[in-house]
N, C-alpha and C. Protein backbone atom coordinates (compact mmCIF):
# COMPACT_ATOMS: atom_id res chain seq x y z
N MET A 1 125.09 71.71 127.79
CA MET A 1 124.38 70.54 128.33
C MET A 1 124.20 70.72 129.84
N ASN A 2 122.95 70.65 130.33
CA ASN A 2 122.72 70.82 131.76
C ASN A 2 123.10 69.57 132.55
N GLU A 3 123.09 69.70 133.87
CA GLU A 3 123.55 68.60 134.73
C GLU A 3 122.69 67.35 134.61
N GLU A 4 121.38 67.53 134.50
CA GLU A 4 120.49 66.37 134.37
C GLU A 4 120.78 65.61 133.08
N ARG A 5 120.97 66.35 132.01
CA ARG A 5 121.29 65.72 130.72
C ARG A 5 122.63 64.98 130.79
N LYS A 6 123.60 65.56 131.46
CA LYS A 6 124.90 64.90 131.63
C LYS A 6 124.74 63.60 132.40
N ARG A 7 123.92 63.65 133.46
CA ARG A 7 123.70 62.44 134.26
C ARG A 7 123.01 61.37 133.41
N PHE A 8 122.04 61.76 132.64
CA PHE A 8 121.34 60.83 131.76
C PHE A 8 122.32 60.17 130.79
N GLU A 9 123.19 60.94 130.19
CA GLU A 9 124.17 60.40 129.24
C GLU A 9 125.11 59.41 129.93
N GLU A 10 125.50 59.71 131.16
CA GLU A 10 126.37 58.81 131.90
C GLU A 10 125.66 57.50 132.24
N LEU A 11 124.40 57.59 132.63
CA LEU A 11 123.64 56.39 132.97
C LEU A 11 123.50 55.45 131.77
N GLN A 12 123.43 56.02 130.58
CA GLN A 12 123.28 55.20 129.37
C GLN A 12 124.47 54.25 129.16
N LYS A 13 125.60 54.56 129.77
CA LYS A 13 126.80 53.73 129.62
C LYS A 13 126.79 52.51 130.53
N HIS A 14 125.80 52.45 131.44
CA HIS A 14 125.80 51.41 132.47
C HIS A 14 124.50 50.59 132.50
N VAL A 15 123.80 50.54 131.39
CA VAL A 15 122.48 49.88 131.35
C VAL A 15 122.61 48.36 131.41
N LEU A 16 121.82 47.76 132.31
CA LEU A 16 121.74 46.30 132.41
C LEU A 16 120.41 45.77 131.88
N LEU A 17 119.36 46.56 132.05
CA LEU A 17 118.01 46.15 131.65
C LEU A 17 117.20 47.39 131.33
N LYS A 18 116.41 47.29 130.25
CA LYS A 18 115.57 48.42 129.86
C LYS A 18 114.26 47.86 129.32
N PHE A 19 113.13 48.36 129.82
CA PHE A 19 111.84 47.85 129.36
C PHE A 19 110.78 48.94 129.39
N GLU A 20 109.75 48.73 128.58
CA GLU A 20 108.62 49.66 128.53
C GLU A 20 107.61 49.30 129.61
N TYR A 21 106.88 50.30 130.07
CA TYR A 21 105.72 50.07 130.92
C TYR A 21 104.72 51.17 130.59
N GLY A 22 103.59 51.19 131.26
CA GLY A 22 102.62 52.24 131.00
C GLY A 22 101.72 51.96 129.81
N SER A 23 101.20 53.02 129.21
CA SER A 23 100.14 52.91 128.20
C SER A 23 100.57 52.11 126.97
N ALA A 24 101.86 52.14 126.63
CA ALA A 24 102.34 51.37 125.48
C ALA A 24 102.15 49.88 125.70
N VAL A 25 102.22 49.46 126.95
CA VAL A 25 102.03 48.05 127.31
C VAL A 25 100.56 47.74 127.53
N TYR A 26 99.83 48.67 128.15
CA TYR A 26 98.44 48.42 128.50
C TYR A 26 97.49 48.54 127.30
N GLY A 27 97.99 49.12 126.21
CA GLY A 27 97.14 49.28 125.03
C GLY A 27 96.23 50.48 125.09
N THR A 28 96.61 51.50 125.87
CA THR A 28 95.79 52.71 126.00
C THR A 28 96.49 53.95 125.46
N SER A 29 97.60 53.77 124.77
CA SER A 29 98.38 54.92 124.30
C SER A 29 97.68 55.64 123.16
N THR A 30 97.90 56.93 123.09
CA THR A 30 97.42 57.77 122.00
C THR A 30 98.61 58.56 121.47
N ASP A 31 98.36 59.39 120.48
CA ASP A 31 99.43 60.21 119.92
C ASP A 31 100.00 61.20 120.93
N LEU A 32 99.23 61.45 122.00
CA LEU A 32 99.66 62.40 123.02
C LEU A 32 100.29 61.71 124.24
N SER A 33 100.28 60.38 124.25
CA SER A 33 100.78 59.64 125.42
C SER A 33 102.29 59.72 125.54
N ASP A 34 102.75 59.74 126.79
CA ASP A 34 104.18 59.62 127.04
C ASP A 34 104.62 58.18 126.79
N ILE A 35 105.91 58.01 126.56
CA ILE A 35 106.50 56.68 126.42
C ILE A 35 107.31 56.44 127.69
N ASP A 36 106.86 55.49 128.51
CA ASP A 36 107.46 55.23 129.81
C ASP A 36 108.48 54.10 129.71
N ILE A 37 109.69 54.35 130.21
CA ILE A 37 110.77 53.37 130.13
C ILE A 37 111.46 53.26 131.49
N PHE A 38 111.62 52.02 131.95
CA PHE A 38 112.34 51.75 133.20
C PHE A 38 113.71 51.19 132.84
N VAL A 39 114.74 51.69 133.52
CA VAL A 39 116.11 51.31 133.21
C VAL A 39 116.84 50.89 134.48
N VAL A 40 117.45 49.71 134.45
CA VAL A 40 118.29 49.23 135.54
C VAL A 40 119.74 49.43 135.13
N VAL A 41 120.52 50.07 136.00
CA VAL A 41 121.93 50.30 135.71
C VAL A 41 122.78 49.59 136.77
N ASP A 42 124.07 49.41 136.46
CA ASP A 42 124.91 48.65 137.40
C ASP A 42 125.21 49.48 138.65
N ASP A 43 125.74 48.80 139.66
CA ASP A 43 125.84 49.39 141.00
C ASP A 43 126.98 50.39 141.16
N VAL A 44 127.76 50.63 140.11
CA VAL A 44 128.75 51.70 140.20
C VAL A 44 128.05 53.05 140.21
N ILE A 45 126.77 53.05 139.78
CA ILE A 45 125.97 54.27 139.77
C ILE A 45 125.27 54.43 141.12
N ASP A 46 125.49 55.57 141.74
CA ASP A 46 124.85 55.88 143.02
C ASP A 46 123.62 56.75 142.77
N LEU A 47 122.45 56.21 143.09
CA LEU A 47 121.21 56.96 142.93
C LEU A 47 120.53 57.20 144.28
N SER A 48 121.32 57.17 145.34
CA SER A 48 120.76 57.32 146.69
C SER A 48 120.16 58.70 146.92
N ASP A 49 120.54 59.68 146.09
CA ASP A 49 119.98 61.02 146.24
C ASP A 49 118.59 61.15 145.63
N ALA A 50 118.17 60.13 144.87
CA ALA A 50 116.86 60.16 144.21
C ALA A 50 115.78 59.64 145.15
N VAL A 51 114.54 60.07 144.93
CA VAL A 51 113.41 59.61 145.73
C VAL A 51 113.24 58.10 145.57
N ASN A 52 113.26 57.38 146.69
CA ASN A 52 113.15 55.92 146.69
C ASN A 52 114.23 55.25 145.84
N GLY A 53 115.35 55.94 145.65
CA GLY A 53 116.44 55.35 144.87
C GLY A 53 116.13 55.22 143.39
N GLN A 54 115.13 55.98 142.92
CA GLN A 54 114.75 55.92 141.50
C GLN A 54 114.81 57.33 140.93
N TRP A 55 115.71 57.51 139.98
CA TRP A 55 115.91 58.83 139.38
C TRP A 55 115.08 58.95 138.11
N GLU A 56 114.42 60.10 137.95
CA GLU A 56 113.53 60.31 136.80
C GLU A 56 114.11 61.35 135.85
N PHE A 57 113.92 61.10 134.57
CA PHE A 57 114.38 62.04 133.54
C PHE A 57 113.36 62.06 132.42
N THR A 58 112.96 63.25 132.00
CA THR A 58 111.98 63.40 130.93
C THR A 58 112.58 64.19 129.79
N GLU A 59 112.36 63.67 128.59
CA GLU A 59 112.83 64.34 127.39
C GLU A 59 111.83 64.11 126.28
N CYS A 60 111.28 65.20 125.76
CA CYS A 60 110.21 65.10 124.75
C CYS A 60 109.09 64.24 125.32
N ARG A 61 108.73 63.16 124.63
CA ARG A 61 107.64 62.30 125.11
C ARG A 61 108.14 61.14 125.95
N PHE A 62 109.44 61.06 126.18
CA PHE A 62 110.01 59.92 126.90
C PHE A 62 110.17 60.24 128.38
N ASP A 63 109.57 59.37 129.21
CA ASP A 63 109.73 59.46 130.66
C ASP A 63 110.55 58.26 131.12
N TYR A 64 111.73 58.52 131.67
CA TYR A 64 112.62 57.46 132.12
C TYR A 64 112.62 57.39 133.64
N GLN A 65 112.69 56.16 134.15
CA GLN A 65 112.97 55.93 135.55
C GLN A 65 114.20 55.03 135.63
N PHE A 66 115.17 55.42 136.45
CA PHE A 66 116.40 54.65 136.61
C PHE A 66 116.51 54.14 138.04
N ALA A 67 117.00 52.90 138.17
CA ALA A 67 117.35 52.35 139.47
C ALA A 67 118.62 51.53 139.29
N ASN A 68 119.50 51.53 140.30
CA ASN A 68 120.65 50.65 140.15
C ASN A 68 120.24 49.22 140.51
N GLU A 69 121.14 48.28 140.25
CA GLU A 69 120.77 46.86 140.37
C GLU A 69 120.42 46.48 141.80
N LYS A 70 121.15 47.03 142.76
CA LYS A 70 120.85 46.73 144.16
C LYS A 70 119.43 47.12 144.51
N ARG A 71 119.03 48.33 144.10
CA ARG A 71 117.66 48.80 144.36
C ARG A 71 116.65 47.95 143.60
N TRP A 72 116.97 47.58 142.38
CA TRP A 72 116.08 46.76 141.56
C TRP A 72 115.81 45.41 142.23
N ILE A 73 116.83 44.80 142.78
CA ILE A 73 116.65 43.51 143.46
C ILE A 73 115.77 43.67 144.70
N GLU A 74 115.93 44.79 145.40
CA GLU A 74 115.04 45.08 146.53
C GLU A 74 113.59 45.19 146.05
N MET A 75 113.39 45.85 144.93
CA MET A 75 112.05 45.99 144.36
C MET A 75 111.47 44.63 143.99
N ILE A 76 112.30 43.78 143.44
CA ILE A 76 111.86 42.42 143.09
C ILE A 76 111.39 41.68 144.33
N GLN A 77 112.21 41.70 145.37
CA GLN A 77 111.90 40.95 146.59
C GLN A 77 110.71 41.53 147.35
N ASN A 78 110.44 42.82 147.12
CA ASN A 78 109.28 43.47 147.76
C ASN A 78 108.01 43.39 146.92
N HIS A 79 108.08 42.65 145.79
CA HIS A 79 106.92 42.50 144.91
C HIS A 79 106.44 43.85 144.38
N ASP A 80 107.39 44.71 144.04
CA ASP A 80 107.06 46.01 143.46
C ASP A 80 106.32 45.80 142.14
N ILE A 81 105.33 46.64 141.88
CA ILE A 81 104.51 46.47 140.69
C ILE A 81 105.32 46.57 139.40
N ARG A 82 106.40 47.38 139.43
CA ARG A 82 107.22 47.50 138.23
C ARG A 82 107.84 46.16 137.87
N TRP A 83 108.28 45.40 138.88
CA TRP A 83 108.83 44.06 138.63
C TRP A 83 107.74 43.09 138.22
N LEU A 84 106.61 43.13 138.89
CA LEU A 84 105.52 42.21 138.57
C LEU A 84 105.11 42.36 137.10
N GLU A 85 105.10 43.60 136.62
CA GLU A 85 104.79 43.84 135.22
C GLU A 85 105.95 43.38 134.33
N CYS A 86 107.18 43.66 134.76
CA CYS A 86 108.36 43.37 133.94
C CYS A 86 108.45 41.90 133.57
N TYR A 87 108.35 41.01 134.56
CA TYR A 87 108.57 39.60 134.24
C TYR A 87 107.38 38.99 133.48
N SER A 88 106.28 39.75 133.40
CA SER A 88 105.11 39.29 132.64
C SER A 88 105.09 39.82 131.21
N LEU A 89 106.01 40.71 130.87
CA LEU A 89 105.97 41.39 129.58
C LEU A 89 106.23 40.47 128.40
N ASP A 90 105.58 40.81 127.29
CA ASP A 90 105.95 40.24 126.00
C ASP A 90 107.36 40.73 125.67
N LYS A 91 108.15 39.89 125.03
CA LYS A 91 109.54 40.21 124.74
C LYS A 91 109.71 41.49 123.93
N LYS A 92 108.70 41.86 123.16
CA LYS A 92 108.82 43.07 122.33
C LYS A 92 108.94 44.33 123.18
N HIS A 93 108.52 44.24 124.46
CA HIS A 93 108.60 45.40 125.34
C HIS A 93 109.90 45.43 126.16
N ILE A 94 110.71 44.37 126.03
CA ILE A 94 112.03 44.36 126.66
C ILE A 94 113.00 44.97 125.66
N LEU A 95 113.48 46.16 125.94
CA LEU A 95 114.29 46.91 124.99
C LEU A 95 115.76 46.54 125.07
N TYR A 96 116.19 46.03 126.23
CA TYR A 96 117.59 45.64 126.38
C TYR A 96 117.73 44.78 127.63
N GLY A 97 118.58 43.75 127.55
CA GLY A 97 118.91 42.96 128.73
C GLY A 97 118.10 41.68 128.87
N ASP A 98 118.39 40.97 129.95
CA ASP A 98 117.81 39.65 130.21
C ASP A 98 117.00 39.69 131.50
N VAL A 99 115.67 39.63 131.36
CA VAL A 99 114.80 39.62 132.53
C VAL A 99 114.96 38.33 133.32
N ASP A 100 115.15 37.21 132.62
CA ASP A 100 115.16 35.91 133.27
C ASP A 100 116.24 35.78 134.34
N LYS A 101 117.34 36.49 134.17
CA LYS A 101 118.42 36.34 135.16
C LYS A 101 118.02 36.87 136.54
N TYR A 102 116.98 37.70 136.57
CA TYR A 102 116.54 38.25 137.84
C TYR A 102 115.50 37.38 138.55
N MET A 103 115.04 36.33 137.87
CA MET A 103 114.06 35.44 138.49
C MET A 103 114.64 34.72 139.71
N GLN A 104 115.96 34.59 139.77
CA GLN A 104 116.61 33.92 140.91
C GLN A 104 116.36 34.68 142.22
N TYR A 105 116.00 35.95 142.11
CA TYR A 105 115.77 36.76 143.31
C TYR A 105 114.30 36.80 143.71
N PHE A 106 113.46 36.07 142.98
CA PHE A 106 112.02 36.21 143.18
C PHE A 106 111.34 34.88 143.45
N THR A 107 110.58 34.87 144.54
CA THR A 107 109.65 33.77 144.82
C THR A 107 108.30 34.42 145.09
N LEU A 108 107.31 34.06 144.29
CA LEU A 108 106.00 34.70 144.44
C LEU A 108 105.39 34.38 145.79
N ASP A 109 105.11 35.43 146.54
CA ASP A 109 104.41 35.34 147.82
C ASP A 109 103.10 36.10 147.62
N LYS A 110 102.02 35.37 147.45
CA LYS A 110 100.75 36.01 147.10
C LYS A 110 100.26 36.98 148.17
N TRP A 111 100.51 36.64 149.42
CA TRP A 111 100.08 37.53 150.50
C TRP A 111 100.87 38.83 150.48
N LYS A 112 102.18 38.71 150.29
CA LYS A 112 103.03 39.89 150.22
C LYS A 112 102.64 40.76 149.02
N MET A 113 102.38 40.11 147.89
CA MET A 113 101.97 40.83 146.69
C MET A 113 100.63 41.52 146.91
N ARG A 114 99.71 40.82 147.54
CA ARG A 114 98.39 41.40 147.83
C ARG A 114 98.52 42.67 148.65
N GLN A 115 99.37 42.65 149.66
CA GLN A 115 99.56 43.82 150.50
C GLN A 115 100.15 44.98 149.69
N ALA A 116 101.15 44.66 148.87
CA ALA A 116 101.81 45.70 148.07
C ALA A 116 100.84 46.33 147.07
N CYS A 117 100.09 45.48 146.37
CA CYS A 117 99.17 45.98 145.34
C CYS A 117 97.97 46.68 145.95
N SER A 118 97.51 46.20 147.09
CA SER A 118 96.39 46.83 147.77
C SER A 118 96.75 48.26 148.18
N ALA A 119 97.98 48.43 148.67
CA ALA A 119 98.43 49.77 149.08
C ALA A 119 98.49 50.71 147.89
N ILE A 120 98.99 50.23 146.76
CA ILE A 120 99.07 51.07 145.56
C ILE A 120 97.67 51.46 145.10
N ALA A 121 96.76 50.49 145.07
CA ALA A 121 95.39 50.76 144.63
C ALA A 121 94.71 51.78 145.54
N SER A 122 94.91 51.65 146.84
CA SER A 122 94.31 52.60 147.79
C SER A 122 94.88 54.00 147.60
N ASN A 123 96.20 54.09 147.38
CA ASN A 123 96.82 55.39 147.16
C ASN A 123 96.32 56.03 145.87
N SER A 124 96.11 55.22 144.85
CA SER A 124 95.63 55.74 143.57
C SER A 124 94.20 56.25 143.71
N TRP A 125 93.38 55.53 144.47
CA TRP A 125 92.00 55.99 144.70
C TRP A 125 92.02 57.33 145.45
N ALA A 126 92.87 57.43 146.47
CA ALA A 126 92.97 58.66 147.24
C ALA A 126 93.48 59.82 146.38
N LYS A 127 94.40 59.53 145.49
CA LYS A 127 94.92 60.57 144.59
C LYS A 127 93.84 61.06 143.64
N ALA A 128 93.02 60.13 143.15
CA ALA A 128 91.90 60.51 142.27
C ALA A 128 90.95 61.46 143.00
N HIS A 129 90.65 61.11 144.23
CA HIS A 129 89.76 61.94 145.07
C HIS A 129 90.35 63.34 145.24
N LYS A 130 91.64 63.39 145.59
CA LYS A 130 92.30 64.68 145.83
C LYS A 130 92.30 65.55 144.57
N LYS A 131 92.56 64.94 143.42
CA LYS A 131 92.66 65.69 142.16
C LYS A 131 91.30 66.22 141.69
N MET A 132 90.24 65.73 142.32
CA MET A 132 88.91 66.20 141.93
C MET A 132 88.26 67.13 142.94
N VAL A 133 88.65 67.03 144.21
CA VAL A 133 87.95 67.81 145.23
C VAL A 133 88.77 68.97 145.80
N ILE A 134 90.10 68.90 145.69
CA ILE A 134 90.95 69.98 146.19
C ILE A 134 91.16 70.97 145.05
N GLU A 135 90.64 72.18 145.22
CA GLU A 135 90.62 73.15 144.12
C GLU A 135 92.00 73.42 143.53
N LYS A 136 92.99 73.62 144.37
CA LYS A 136 94.33 73.96 143.87
C LYS A 136 95.00 72.78 143.17
N ASP A 137 94.53 71.57 143.45
CA ASP A 137 95.11 70.37 142.84
C ASP A 137 94.25 69.81 141.71
N TYR A 138 93.18 70.50 141.38
CA TYR A 138 92.22 69.93 140.43
C TYR A 138 92.88 69.60 139.08
N ASP A 139 92.68 68.35 138.68
CA ASP A 139 93.19 67.88 137.38
C ASP A 139 92.36 66.66 136.99
N LEU A 140 91.35 66.89 136.19
CA LEU A 140 90.40 65.83 135.87
C LEU A 140 91.07 64.63 135.20
N TYR A 141 91.94 64.90 134.24
CA TYR A 141 92.58 63.80 133.51
C TYR A 141 93.42 62.94 134.45
N ARG A 142 94.22 63.57 135.30
CA ARG A 142 95.04 62.80 136.24
C ARG A 142 94.18 62.06 137.26
N ALA A 143 93.08 62.65 137.64
CA ALA A 143 92.16 61.97 138.56
C ALA A 143 91.60 60.71 137.91
N GLN A 144 91.19 60.84 136.66
CA GLN A 144 90.66 59.68 135.94
C GLN A 144 91.72 58.60 135.76
N LYS A 145 92.94 59.02 135.44
CA LYS A 145 94.03 58.06 135.27
C LYS A 145 94.33 57.33 136.58
N SER A 146 94.27 58.05 137.70
CA SER A 146 94.52 57.42 138.99
C SER A 146 93.42 56.43 139.34
N LEU A 147 92.19 56.79 139.04
CA LEU A 147 91.07 55.88 139.29
C LEU A 147 91.23 54.60 138.47
N PHE A 148 91.57 54.77 137.20
CA PHE A 148 91.82 53.62 136.33
C PHE A 148 92.99 52.78 136.86
N HIS A 149 94.02 53.46 137.33
CA HIS A 149 95.21 52.77 137.85
C HIS A 149 94.83 51.88 139.04
N SER A 150 93.95 52.37 139.90
CA SER A 150 93.55 51.57 141.07
C SER A 150 92.85 50.29 140.63
N PHE A 151 92.02 50.38 139.60
CA PHE A 151 91.35 49.19 139.07
C PHE A 151 92.35 48.22 138.45
N ARG A 152 93.23 48.77 137.65
CA ARG A 152 94.18 47.94 136.91
C ARG A 152 95.10 47.16 137.84
N ILE A 153 95.58 47.82 138.89
CA ILE A 153 96.48 47.17 139.84
C ILE A 153 95.79 45.99 140.52
N LEU A 154 94.54 46.18 140.93
CA LEU A 154 93.80 45.10 141.58
C LEU A 154 93.58 43.93 140.62
N MET A 155 93.31 44.24 139.37
CA MET A 155 93.08 43.19 138.37
C MET A 155 94.37 42.47 138.03
N PHE A 156 95.48 43.20 137.97
CA PHE A 156 96.77 42.55 137.73
C PHE A 156 97.13 41.61 138.88
N ALA A 157 96.90 42.06 140.11
CA ALA A 157 97.20 41.22 141.27
C ALA A 157 96.38 39.93 141.24
N ALA A 158 95.11 40.05 140.86
CA ALA A 158 94.25 38.86 140.78
C ALA A 158 94.77 37.90 139.70
N GLN A 159 95.22 38.44 138.58
CA GLN A 159 95.78 37.59 137.52
C GLN A 159 97.03 36.85 138.01
N ILE A 160 97.91 37.58 138.69
CA ILE A 160 99.14 36.96 139.20
C ILE A 160 98.79 35.89 140.23
N GLY A 161 97.80 36.18 141.08
CA GLY A 161 97.37 35.21 142.07
C GLY A 161 96.86 33.92 141.43
N GLU A 162 96.20 34.06 140.29
CA GLU A 162 95.63 32.88 139.62
C GLU A 162 96.62 32.18 138.69
N PHE A 163 97.38 32.99 137.93
CA PHE A 163 98.21 32.41 136.87
C PHE A 163 99.72 32.50 137.12
N GLY A 164 100.12 33.23 138.15
CA GLY A 164 101.54 33.37 138.43
C GLY A 164 102.18 34.55 137.72
N LYS A 165 101.45 35.18 136.83
CA LYS A 165 101.93 36.38 136.14
C LYS A 165 100.74 37.10 135.53
N ILE A 166 100.98 38.29 134.99
CA ILE A 166 99.94 39.03 134.29
C ILE A 166 99.80 38.43 132.90
N VAL A 167 98.63 37.96 132.57
CA VAL A 167 98.41 37.31 131.28
C VAL A 167 97.65 38.19 130.30
N ASP A 168 97.02 39.27 130.82
CA ASP A 168 96.26 40.16 129.95
C ASP A 168 96.41 41.60 130.45
N PHE A 169 97.33 42.34 129.82
CA PHE A 169 97.58 43.72 130.24
C PHE A 169 96.43 44.66 129.87
N GLU A 170 95.53 44.19 129.03
CA GLU A 170 94.44 45.05 128.57
C GLU A 170 93.10 44.76 129.27
N GLU A 171 93.12 43.89 130.27
CA GLU A 171 91.88 43.46 130.91
C GLU A 171 91.07 44.62 131.49
N ALA A 172 91.75 45.63 132.00
CA ALA A 172 91.04 46.73 132.67
C ALA A 172 90.63 47.86 131.72
N ASN A 173 90.99 47.76 130.46
CA ASN A 173 90.85 48.91 129.56
C ASN A 173 89.42 49.40 129.36
N HIS A 174 88.45 48.48 129.44
CA HIS A 174 87.06 48.92 129.26
C HIS A 174 86.64 49.86 130.39
N TRP A 175 87.28 49.72 131.56
CA TRP A 175 86.98 50.64 132.65
C TRP A 175 87.51 52.03 132.35
N TRP A 176 88.65 52.11 131.67
CA TRP A 176 89.17 53.42 131.28
C TRP A 176 88.19 54.13 130.35
N ASP A 177 87.63 53.39 129.42
CA ASP A 177 86.67 53.99 128.49
C ASP A 177 85.49 54.60 129.24
N GLU A 178 84.99 53.87 130.25
CA GLU A 178 83.84 54.38 131.00
C GLU A 178 84.23 55.53 131.92
N ILE A 179 85.37 55.40 132.58
CA ILE A 179 85.83 56.47 133.47
C ILE A 179 86.03 57.76 132.67
N ASN A 180 86.67 57.63 131.53
CA ASN A 180 86.96 58.80 130.70
C ASN A 180 85.68 59.46 130.17
N SER A 181 84.67 58.63 129.92
CA SER A 181 83.42 59.16 129.37
C SER A 181 82.57 59.91 130.40
N MET A 182 82.90 59.76 131.69
CA MET A 182 82.12 60.43 132.75
C MET A 182 82.24 61.94 132.67
N GLY A 183 83.42 62.41 132.26
CA GLY A 183 83.61 63.85 132.10
C GLY A 183 83.60 64.62 133.40
N GLU A 184 83.24 65.90 133.33
CA GLU A 184 83.31 66.81 134.48
C GLU A 184 82.04 66.75 135.31
N VAL A 185 81.91 65.68 136.06
CA VAL A 185 80.85 65.59 137.06
C VAL A 185 81.52 65.55 138.42
N SER A 186 80.75 65.59 139.49
CA SER A 186 81.32 65.65 140.83
C SER A 186 82.00 64.34 141.21
N TRP A 187 82.89 64.44 142.20
CA TRP A 187 83.52 63.24 142.73
C TRP A 187 82.48 62.26 143.28
N ASP A 188 81.43 62.78 143.87
CA ASP A 188 80.40 61.90 144.41
C ASP A 188 79.80 61.01 143.34
N LYS A 189 79.66 61.55 142.13
CA LYS A 189 79.13 60.75 141.01
C LYS A 189 80.11 59.64 140.65
N TYR A 190 81.40 59.97 140.60
CA TYR A 190 82.42 58.95 140.32
C TYR A 190 82.42 57.88 141.41
N LYS A 191 82.35 58.34 142.66
CA LYS A 191 82.37 57.40 143.78
C LYS A 191 81.15 56.49 143.75
N GLU A 192 80.00 57.07 143.48
CA GLU A 192 78.75 56.29 143.43
C GLU A 192 78.84 55.19 142.37
N ARG A 193 79.43 55.54 141.22
CA ARG A 193 79.51 54.57 140.12
C ARG A 193 80.63 53.54 140.33
N PHE A 194 81.79 53.99 140.81
CA PHE A 194 82.97 53.13 140.74
C PHE A 194 83.42 52.52 142.07
N LYS A 195 82.96 53.04 143.21
CA LYS A 195 83.38 52.44 144.48
C LYS A 195 82.89 51.00 144.63
N PRO A 196 81.64 50.69 144.26
CA PRO A 196 81.22 49.28 144.33
C PRO A 196 82.07 48.37 143.44
N ILE A 197 82.51 48.88 142.31
CA ILE A 197 83.35 48.08 141.41
C ILE A 197 84.73 47.88 142.03
N GLU A 198 85.27 48.95 142.63
CA GLU A 198 86.56 48.83 143.29
C GLU A 198 86.49 47.79 144.41
N ASN A 199 85.41 47.81 145.17
CA ASN A 199 85.23 46.82 146.24
C ASN A 199 85.16 45.40 145.68
N GLN A 200 84.47 45.26 144.56
CA GLN A 200 84.33 43.95 143.93
C GLN A 200 85.69 43.45 143.43
N LEU A 201 86.44 44.32 142.78
CA LEU A 201 87.77 43.93 142.28
C LEU A 201 88.71 43.58 143.42
N ARG A 202 88.59 44.31 144.51
CA ARG A 202 89.42 44.02 145.67
C ARG A 202 89.06 42.65 146.27
N SER A 203 87.78 42.33 146.27
CA SER A 203 87.33 41.03 146.79
C SER A 203 87.86 39.88 145.93
N ILE A 204 87.86 40.10 144.62
CA ILE A 204 88.39 39.08 143.71
C ILE A 204 89.88 38.87 143.98
N MET A 205 90.62 39.97 144.15
CA MET A 205 92.05 39.87 144.45
C MET A 205 92.27 39.09 145.75
N VAL A 206 91.48 39.39 146.76
CA VAL A 206 91.61 38.72 148.05
C VAL A 206 91.38 37.22 147.90
N THR A 207 90.41 36.85 147.08
CA THR A 207 90.12 35.43 146.85
C THR A 207 91.29 34.74 146.17
N LYS A 208 91.91 35.43 145.21
CA LYS A 208 93.03 34.84 144.46
C LYS A 208 94.33 34.86 145.26
N CYS A 209 94.40 35.77 146.25
CA CYS A 209 95.63 35.94 147.04
C CYS A 209 95.28 35.91 148.53
N PRO A 210 94.89 34.77 149.05
CA PRO A 210 94.43 34.70 150.44
C PRO A 210 95.57 34.85 151.45
N LYS A 211 95.20 35.16 152.66
CA LYS A 211 96.19 35.18 153.75
C LYS A 211 96.72 33.78 153.97
N PRO A 212 97.96 33.65 154.38
CA PRO A 212 98.51 32.32 154.69
C PRO A 212 97.74 31.65 155.83
N GLU A 213 97.67 30.36 155.80
CA GLU A 213 97.01 29.63 156.88
C GLU A 213 97.72 29.92 158.20
N GLY A 214 96.95 30.18 159.21
CA GLY A 214 97.52 30.45 160.53
C GLY A 214 97.99 31.87 160.71
N TYR A 215 97.82 32.72 159.68
CA TYR A 215 98.30 34.10 159.78
C TYR A 215 97.60 34.86 160.91
N LYS A 216 96.28 34.71 161.00
CA LYS A 216 95.52 35.46 162.00
C LYS A 216 95.96 35.11 163.41
N ALA A 217 96.10 33.81 163.68
CA ALA A 217 96.50 33.38 165.01
C ALA A 217 97.92 33.85 165.33
N GLU A 218 98.81 33.76 164.34
CA GLU A 218 100.19 34.19 164.54
C GLU A 218 100.26 35.69 164.80
N ASN A 219 99.46 36.46 164.08
CA ASN A 219 99.45 37.90 164.24
C ASN A 219 98.90 38.30 165.61
N GLN A 220 97.88 37.59 166.06
CA GLN A 220 97.31 37.88 167.37
C GLN A 220 98.32 37.60 168.49
N GLN A 221 99.13 36.53 168.33
CA GLN A 221 100.14 36.21 169.32
C GLN A 221 101.21 37.31 169.38
N LYS A 222 101.58 37.84 168.21
CA LYS A 222 102.58 38.89 168.17
C LYS A 222 102.06 40.14 168.88
N LYS A 223 100.77 40.47 168.67
CA LYS A 223 100.17 41.63 169.32
C LYS A 223 100.16 41.48 170.83
N LYS A 224 99.87 40.24 171.30
CA LYS A 224 99.83 40.00 172.74
C LYS A 224 101.23 40.18 173.36
N LYS A 225 102.25 39.71 172.64
CA LYS A 225 103.63 39.84 173.14
C LYS A 225 104.05 41.30 173.18
N ALA A 226 103.57 42.06 172.20
CA ALA A 226 103.92 43.49 172.14
C ALA A 226 103.25 44.25 173.29
């Protein structure tokens, strides 16, 4: 048994919460899709050596992400997308533990959520671009998935802004069908077709998650003091 497998086995003894995310939740899974699982473990487990405090383990079709409870609570308070999806999930996707007990650490701040989701969407768009135009990084499927991800995140944020949670995990799926059908054409073709849509989705999110009243004036005062 290798070291990673040993660590995985040890983490299984300390599980507090386990839930599905990804294509199984979004309704886009196929026979070839990975099964994505997020696992929260108790704080006796030190994952500080992992990137962003989240350790990853893959076995067969299962992709696991682990975080200890301290890191998980930080993610909750920072409006991390994994938490935003988690508390919106149908119970069938909660594999172990009680999501409700973590609601005590969360107060929805639409502006904070907008900033977090906007950053993820922008990074996903940039990743799609890179995977299509940089020869050594070329990966059409991952580029398409990243493009779809940018749309989905913006649509999820708009739903949370309006309803307080994600009410339809499949809302963006028709965009995946169109993105996937584009095939091997240039990035410029993808940009021409989908950038106006991305702008529109971002505008909808902004409407549902406006800046706090007085934010602009307060921010200008801070800049003057600096």
